[in-house]
Amino acid sequence: MRLSELDYDLPEELIAQAPLARRDEVRLLVLDRKSKSLEHSRFYKLVRHLREGDLIVLNDTRVLPARLFAQKESGARVELLMVRPVGPHEGPAGAWIALIRTHRVLKDNARLILSDGHALRVTGYARPGRPIVVSEGGVSIEQILERSGTLALPHYIHRIAGPADIDDYQTVYAARPGAIAAPTAGLHFTAEVFKALADAGIRTAAVTLHIGPGTFAPVRAVEIESHTMESEWYTIAPATQAAIEHTRRIGGRIIAVGTSATRALESWAITGDVEGFTGLFIHPGFRFKLADAMITNFHMPRTTVLALAMAFAGRDQILAAYREAIRHRYRFLSYGDAMLIL
């Protein structure tokens, strides 16, 4: 598949810069893959499009205040995005892998001074552009993030994160800290939506996939199959495994909420591993083993998440749905409207 096949024209003014006042009032475009039909709805009506016995699988990762600002000893400004703690054999205890924005590559042992006086030190690189940093002075990086970290909104939201974003850019069911970006398909759920689903006999379960650079890094390979995703950590809890098995027995459908939940489910289905790092890149031609339906937002061109949506519904159907959404002035990307693919 050529990279150009992940293109479409997205009007800049349709990129949502802030959420609606009420999460579940976003629009919902329902795509039925068998009939190739499209229906316009609202997210609070989600229950009407599902049926008793279905299981909704959510990603319960929690977004960290992962953005830090520092200065080199020379005084030059540095911006860091703390991605995740190092794994076994990746670096010293307490170290984190980071994304960094600076004019020059940082050398080993470079010191970065935070505004509160604490210092970080570069101990090496996990890969090009991914320095490994440790905290000096006995304060953990987790403590530094809690005290000084700020939320990192996506680059296409052209404003600085404000106090409201701390709650807005977090699902209401977020439980396990570790992501640098929100599983945005889940932002639309409210207590009222969950109650309506439960009353209709539709159950929920959670997986965890800590969203990192792998999810939002753009695809640059001319042939997308050559693209390599950076690994992200996931886990499938025993209760979720049991819920999926039960749903299969009674003939219900597995409804994955977002591309991250989908990748966690399919990684487990392929490998049998209920926990670990996954670099699974789902693109057209992929055969899904667990996800029967998917709730997702509208995605940027030339991204892995758009490739996943095309793999699930077919490129032509996704592009037709996107054209319909653009024609009806849907709101796109993280704070935008939603799509249900059946």
Protein backbone atom coordinates (compact mmCIF):
# COMPACT_ATOMS: atom_id res chain seq x y z
CA MET A 1 0.00 0.00 0.00
CA ARG A 2 1.39 3.39 -1.02
CA LEU A 3 1.66 6.20 1.50
CA SER A 4 -0.44 8.38 -0.81
CA GLU A 5 -3.36 6.00 -0.22
CA LEU A 6 -3.52 7.28 3.37
CA ASP A 7 -4.20 10.80 2.10
CA TYR A 8 -7.39 12.81 2.10
CA ASP A 9 -8.15 16.52 2.20
CA LEU A 10 -8.88 17.62 5.78
CA PRO A 11 -10.08 21.23 6.05
CA GLU A 12 -8.12 22.97 8.79
CA GLU A 13 -11.26 24.53 10.26
CA LEU A 14 -12.72 21.07 11.01
CA ILE A 15 -9.91 20.17 13.42
CA ALA A 16 -11.51 20.54 16.86
CA GLN A 17 -9.51 22.82 19.14
CA ALA A 18 -11.57 22.16 22.27
CA PRO A 19 -14.16 19.59 23.39
CA LEU A 20 -17.89 20.13 23.54
CA ALA A 21 -19.32 21.22 26.88
CA ARG A 22 -20.85 17.75 27.28
CA ARG A 23 -18.77 14.79 26.14
CA ASP A 24 -21.56 12.52 24.95
CA GLU A 25 -23.21 15.10 22.70
CA VAL A 26 -20.61 14.69 19.98
CA ARG A 27 -21.90 13.39 16.69
CA LEU A 28 -21.58 9.71 15.88
CA LEU A 29 -21.27 8.48 12.31
CA VAL A 30 -22.33 4.83 12.14
CA LEU A 31 -20.80 2.76 9.33
CA ASP A 32 -22.28 -0.66 8.63
CA ARG A 33 -19.63 -2.58 6.71
CA LYS A 34 -22.01 -5.22 5.32
CA SER A 35 -24.66 -2.88 3.97
CA LYS A 36 -22.13 -0.09 3.31
CA SER A 37 -24.63 2.32 4.86
CA LEU A 38 -23.94 5.46 6.88
CA GLU A 39 -26.18 6.82 9.63
CA HIS A 40 -25.85 10.11 11.49
CA SER A 41 -26.39 9.85 15.24
CA ARG A 42 -25.14 11.19 18.58
CA PHE A 43 -22.85 9.45 21.04
CA TYR A 44 -25.43 9.45 23.83
CA LYS A 45 -27.51 7.23 21.50
CA LEU A 46 -24.72 4.62 21.27
CA VAL A 47 -26.85 1.99 23.01
CA ARG A 48 -29.36 2.07 20.14
CA HIS A 49 -26.72 0.80 17.73
CA LEU A 50 -25.56 -2.13 19.87
CA ARG A 51 -27.35 -5.17 21.24
CA GLU A 52 -27.67 -7.21 24.38
CA GLY A 53 -24.69 -9.48 24.93
CA ASP A 54 -22.15 -7.15 23.33
CA LEU A 55 -18.95 -6.36 25.22
CA ILE A 56 -17.34 -2.92 25.05
CA VAL A 57 -13.56 -3.04 25.62
CA LEU A 58 -12.00 0.20 26.85
CA ASN A 59 -8.39 1.29 27.25
CA ASP A 60 -8.09 2.43 30.88
CA THR A 61 -4.68 4.09 30.53
CA ARG A 62 -4.31 7.46 32.25
CA VAL A 63 -2.48 10.38 30.64
CA LEU A 64 0.56 11.63 32.53
CA PRO A 65 1.54 15.31 32.85
CA ALA A 66 4.57 14.22 30.83
CA ARG A 67 5.85 17.52 29.43
CA LEU A 68 8.81 19.22 31.15
CA PHE A 69 10.77 22.36 30.34
CA ALA A 70 14.43 22.64 31.28
CA GLN A 71 17.64 24.43 30.44
CA LYS A 72 21.03 23.12 29.52
CA GLU A 73 23.93 24.32 31.62
CA SER A 74 24.64 26.70 28.74
CA GLY A 75 21.20 28.26 29.27
CA ALA A 76 19.65 26.87 26.07
CA ARG A 77 15.99 25.86 26.45
CA VAL A 78 15.00 22.19 26.21
CA GLU A 79 11.54 20.62 26.05
CA LEU A 80 11.12 17.01 27.15
CA LEU A 81 8.25 14.57 26.83
CA MET A 82 8.76 11.73 29.27
CA VAL A 83 7.65 8.60 27.42
CA ARG A 84 8.00 5.75 29.91
CA PRO A 85 10.25 4.20 32.56
CA VAL A 86 13.04 2.05 31.17
CA GLY A 87 12.43 -1.67 30.96
CA PRO A 88 14.79 -4.40 32.18
CA HIS A 89 18.29 -4.02 30.72
CA GLU A 90 17.37 -0.70 29.02
CA GLY A 91 18.98 1.63 31.55
CA PRO A 92 19.64 2.35 35.22
CA ALA A 93 16.92 1.98 37.82
CA GLY A 94 14.59 4.97 37.94
CA ALA A 95 15.53 6.18 34.45
CA TRP A 96 13.00 7.18 31.81
CA ILE A 97 13.03 7.27 28.03
CA ALA A 98 12.17 10.71 26.70
CA LEU A 99 11.40 12.62 23.55
CA ILE A 100 13.36 15.83 23.42
CA ARG A 101 13.15 19.08 21.50
CA THR A 102 16.40 21.02 21.31
CA HIS A 103 18.59 22.62 18.67
CA ARG A 104 21.49 20.22 19.18
CA VAL A 105 21.75 16.55 20.10
CA LEU A 106 22.43 16.12 23.79
CA LYS A 107 25.65 14.37 24.73
CA ASP A 108 25.94 11.66 27.36
CA ASN A 109 26.01 13.11 30.89
CA ALA A 110 24.45 16.37 29.74
CA ARG A 111 22.61 18.01 32.66
CA LEU A 112 19.19 19.59 32.28
CA ILE A 113 18.06 22.02 34.96
CA LEU A 114 14.33 22.28 35.71
CA SER A 115 12.63 25.46 36.86
CA ASP A 116 12.43 24.20 40.44
CA GLY A 117 16.16 23.58 40.55
CA HIS A 118 16.07 19.80 40.17
CA ALA A 119 18.36 18.34 37.53
CA LEU A 120 18.07 15.52 35.03
CA ARG A 121 21.05 13.82 33.44
CA VAL A 122 21.30 12.04 30.07
CA THR A 123 22.82 8.59 30.52
CA GLY A 124 22.59 7.41 26.92
CA TYR A 125 20.10 6.76 24.15
CA ALA A 126 17.51 4.01 23.77
CA ARG A 127 17.43 4.80 20.05
CA PRO A 128 18.14 7.92 17.98
CA GLY A 129 16.08 10.78 19.36
CA ARG A 130 15.16 8.89 22.55
CA PRO A 131 17.53 9.89 25.36
CA ILE A 132 17.54 7.98 28.64
CA VAL A 133 17.42 10.40 31.55
CA VAL A 134 17.77 10.01 35.30
CA SER A 135 16.95 12.37 38.11
CA GLU A 136 19.68 13.73 40.35
CA GLY A 137 19.26 14.53 44.02
CA GLY A 138 17.06 11.66 45.18
CA VAL A 139 13.77 12.90 43.69
CA SER A 140 12.15 10.41 41.30
CA ILE A 141 11.01 11.36 37.82
CA GLU A 142 7.49 10.36 38.84
CA GLN A 143 7.62 12.94 41.63
CA ILE A 144 9.02 15.55 39.25
CA LEU A 145 6.16 14.97 36.81
CA GLU A 146 3.61 15.23 39.60
CA ARG A 147 5.09 18.56 40.75
CA SER A 148 6.22 20.19 37.52
CA GLY A 149 4.86 18.22 34.56
CA THR A 150 2.23 19.63 32.23
CA LEU A 151 -0.17 18.02 29.79
CA ALA A 152 1.01 17.68 26.20
CA LEU A 153 -1.87 18.28 23.79
CA PRO A 154 -1.50 17.04 20.20
CA HIS A 155 0.42 19.30 17.85
CA TYR A 156 -2.67 20.11 15.78
CA ILE A 157 -4.37 21.76 18.76
CA HIS A 158 -2.98 25.27 18.40
CA ARG A 159 -3.08 26.43 21.98
CA ILE A 160 -1.38 25.74 25.28
CA ALA A 161 -3.06 23.21 27.53
CA GLY A 162 -5.20 24.95 30.15
CA PRO A 163 -6.63 23.85 33.50
CA ALA A 164 -9.79 22.45 31.85
CA ASP A 165 -7.73 20.10 29.68
CA ILE A 166 -6.51 18.22 32.75
CA ASP A 167 -9.98 16.66 32.97
CA ASP A 168 -11.13 17.09 29.37
CA TYR A 169 -8.15 15.20 27.92
CA GLN A 170 -8.75 12.19 30.17
CA THR A 171 -11.39 9.50 29.92
CA VAL A 172 -13.81 9.31 32.85
CA TYR A 173 -12.62 5.73 33.49
CA ALA A 174 -8.84 6.38 33.28
CA ALA A 175 -7.17 4.29 35.97
CA ARG A 176 -3.59 3.30 35.16
CA PRO A 177 -1.08 6.15 34.63
CA GLY A 178 1.38 5.72 31.80
CA ALA A 179 0.20 7.35 28.55
CA ILE A 180 1.51 10.51 26.95
CA ALA A 181 -1.66 10.88 24.84
CA ALA A 182 -5.29 10.07 25.53
CA PRO A 183 -7.19 7.13 24.02
CA THR A 184 -9.45 9.71 22.41
CA ALA A 185 -12.22 7.38 21.23
CA GLY A 186 -13.05 6.94 24.90
CA LEU A 187 -13.36 10.63 25.71
CA HIS A 188 -17.06 10.59 24.75
CA PHE A 189 -18.20 8.17 27.44
CA THR A 190 -20.12 9.47 30.46
CA ALA A 191 -21.75 7.88 33.48
CA GLU A 192 -25.09 8.24 31.70
CA VAL A 193 -23.85 6.38 28.63
CA PHE A 194 -22.47 3.57 30.79
CA LYS A 195 -25.78 3.28 32.66
CA ALA A 196 -27.75 3.06 29.41
CA LEU A 197 -25.41 0.34 28.16
CA ALA A 198 -25.68 -1.66 31.39
CA ASP A 199 -29.47 -1.37 31.40
CA ALA A 200 -29.48 -2.83 27.88
CA GLY A 201 -27.37 -5.83 28.86
CA ILE A 202 -24.18 -4.51 27.26
CA ARG A 203 -21.13 -5.16 29.40
CA THR A 204 -17.78 -3.36 29.61
CA ALA A 205 -14.23 -4.53 30.25
CA ALA A 206 -10.82 -2.85 30.24
CA VAL A 207 -7.43 -3.43 28.71
CA THR A 208 -4.42 -1.18 29.19
CA LEU A 209 -2.16 0.14 26.46
CA HIS A 210 0.02 3.08 27.43
CA ILE A 211 -0.05 5.28 24.36
CA GLY A 212 3.37 6.55 23.37
CA PRO A 213 5.14 7.86 20.27
CA GLY A 214 4.36 4.68 18.36
CA THR A 215 0.70 5.61 18.01
CA PHE A 216 1.04 9.19 16.81
CA ALA A 217 4.31 9.12 14.84
CA PRO A 218 3.49 9.84 11.19
CA VAL A 219 4.02 7.19 8.52
CA ARG A 220 6.86 8.28 6.22
CA ALA A 221 7.69 5.07 4.35
CA VAL A 222 6.64 5.22 0.69
CA GLU A 223 5.23 1.71 1.08
CA ILE A 224 3.47 1.71 4.43
CA GLU A 225 4.29 -1.93 5.15
CA SER A 226 7.89 -0.75 5.65
CA HIS A 227 6.86 1.47 8.56
CA THR A 228 7.97 0.29 12.01
CA MET A 229 5.98 1.28 15.09
CA GLU A 230 7.71 2.04 18.35
CA SER A 231 6.59 -0.47 20.97
CA GLU A 232 4.04 0.36 23.68
CA TRP A 233 3.24 -1.59 26.84
CA TYR A 234 -0.10 -3.38 27.17
CA THR A 235 -1.85 -5.82 29.49
CA ILE A 236 -5.06 -7.83 29.36
CA ALA A 237 -6.48 -8.39 32.86
CA PRO A 238 -7.83 -11.85 33.81
CA ALA A 239 -11.32 -10.40 34.27
CA THR A 240 -11.22 -9.03 30.73
CA GLN A 241 -10.04 -12.36 29.34
CA ALA A 242 -12.99 -14.05 31.06
CA ALA A 243 -15.44 -11.41 29.82
CA ILE A 244 -14.27 -11.90 26.23
CA GLU A 245 -14.59 -15.68 26.49
CA HIS A 246 -18.10 -15.31 27.93
CA THR A 247 -19.10 -12.91 25.16
CA ARG A 248 -17.88 -15.33 22.53
CA ARG A 249 -19.88 -18.18 24.11
CA ILE A 250 -23.16 -16.27 24.09
CA GLY A 251 -22.70 -14.90 20.57
CA GLY A 252 -22.04 -11.29 21.53
CA ARG A 253 -19.72 -8.92 19.75
CA ILE A 254 -16.43 -7.47 20.96
CA ILE A 255 -16.62 -3.68 20.52
CA ALA A 256 -13.12 -2.19 20.75
CA VAL A 257 -13.03 1.45 21.85
CA GLY A 258 -10.23 3.07 19.91
CA THR A 259 -7.24 1.91 17.95
CA SER A 260 -5.18 1.38 21.12
CA ALA A 261 -7.67 -1.07 22.63
CA THR A 262 -7.86 -2.79 19.24
CA ARG A 263 -4.09 -3.18 19.07
CA ALA A 264 -3.94 -4.58 22.59
CA LEU A 265 -6.64 -7.14 21.81
CA GLU A 266 -5.10 -8.20 18.52
CA SER A 267 -1.59 -8.37 20.01
CA TRP A 268 -2.91 -10.79 22.63
CA ALA A 269 -4.79 -12.79 19.99
CA ILE A 270 -1.66 -13.15 17.84
CA THR A 271 0.96 -13.85 20.49
CA GLY A 272 -1.00 -15.29 23.41
CA ASP A 273 0.89 -12.86 25.66
CA VAL A 274 -1.41 -11.11 28.13
CA GLU A 275 1.25 -8.53 28.98
CA GLY A 276 4.27 -7.01 27.28
CA PHE A 277 5.40 -4.54 24.64
CA THR A 278 3.70 -4.46 21.27
CA GLY A 279 4.81 -2.82 18.07
CA LEU A 280 1.91 -4.26 16.09
CA PHE A 281 1.19 -2.09 13.05
CA ILE A 282 -2.26 -2.88 11.68
CA HIS A 283 -2.77 -1.87 8.06
CA PRO A 284 -4.97 -3.06 5.16
CA GLY A 285 -4.59 -6.78 4.65
CA PHE A 286 -4.59 -7.52 8.39
CA ARG A 287 -7.01 -10.22 9.57
CA PHE A 288 -8.70 -9.29 12.83
CA LYS A 289 -9.11 -12.09 15.34
CA LEU A 290 -10.97 -10.45 18.24
CA ALA A 291 -12.46 -7.06 17.38
CA ASP A 292 -15.91 -7.36 15.79
CA ALA A 293 -16.72 -3.65 15.83
CA MET A 294 -14.87 -0.48 16.70
CA ILE A 295 -15.54 2.99 18.08
CA THR A 296 -13.00 5.51 16.86
CA ASN A 297 -12.47 9.18 16.14
CA PHE A 298 -11.64 10.73 12.76
CA HIS A 299 -7.91 10.57 12.12
CA MET A 300 -5.15 12.57 10.47
CA PRO A 301 -3.94 11.60 6.98
CA ARG A 302 -0.80 9.48 6.74
CA THR A 303 -1.07 8.00 10.24
CA THR A 304 -0.99 4.49 11.65
CA VAL A 305 -4.42 4.99 13.22
CA LEU A 306 -5.99 5.83 9.85
CA ALA A 307 -4.31 2.74 8.38
CA LEU A 308 -5.89 0.66 11.16
CA ALA A 309 -9.35 2.08 10.45
CA MET A 310 -8.87 1.28 6.76
CA ALA A 311 -7.79 -2.25 7.65
CA PHE A 312 -10.96 -2.70 9.67
CA ALA A 313 -13.53 -1.23 7.27
CA GLY A 314 -11.73 -1.06 3.94
CA ARG A 315 -10.04 1.96 2.42
CA ASP A 316 -12.92 2.88 0.11
CA GLN A 317 -15.55 2.73 2.85
CA ILE A 318 -13.44 4.78 5.26
CA LEU A 319 -12.74 7.47 2.67
CA ALA A 320 -16.43 7.57 1.72
CA ALA A 321 -17.35 7.96 5.39
CA TYR A 322 -14.77 10.73 5.81
CA ARG A 323 -16.13 12.57 2.78
CA GLU A 324 -19.60 12.37 4.29
CA ALA A 325 -18.31 13.62 7.63
CA ILE A 326 -16.55 16.55 5.95
CA ARG A 327 -19.67 17.38 3.95
CA HIS A 328 -21.70 17.51 7.18
CA ARG A 329 -19.01 19.51 8.98
CA TYR A 330 -18.08 16.91 11.58
CA ARG A 331 -15.34 17.86 14.03
CA PHE A 332 -12.11 15.91 13.49
CA LEU A 333 -9.26 14.45 15.58
CA SER A 334 -8.80 14.21 19.36
CA TYR A 335 -11.51 16.58 20.59
CA GLY A 336 -13.77 15.88 17.62
CA ASP A 337 -16.69 13.62 16.79
CA ALA A 338 -16.83 9.83 16.77
CA MET A 339 -17.44 6.94 14.44
CA LEU A 340 -18.91 3.49 15.10
CA ILE A 341 -17.85 0.80 12.62
CA LEU A 342 -20.09 -2.27 12.71
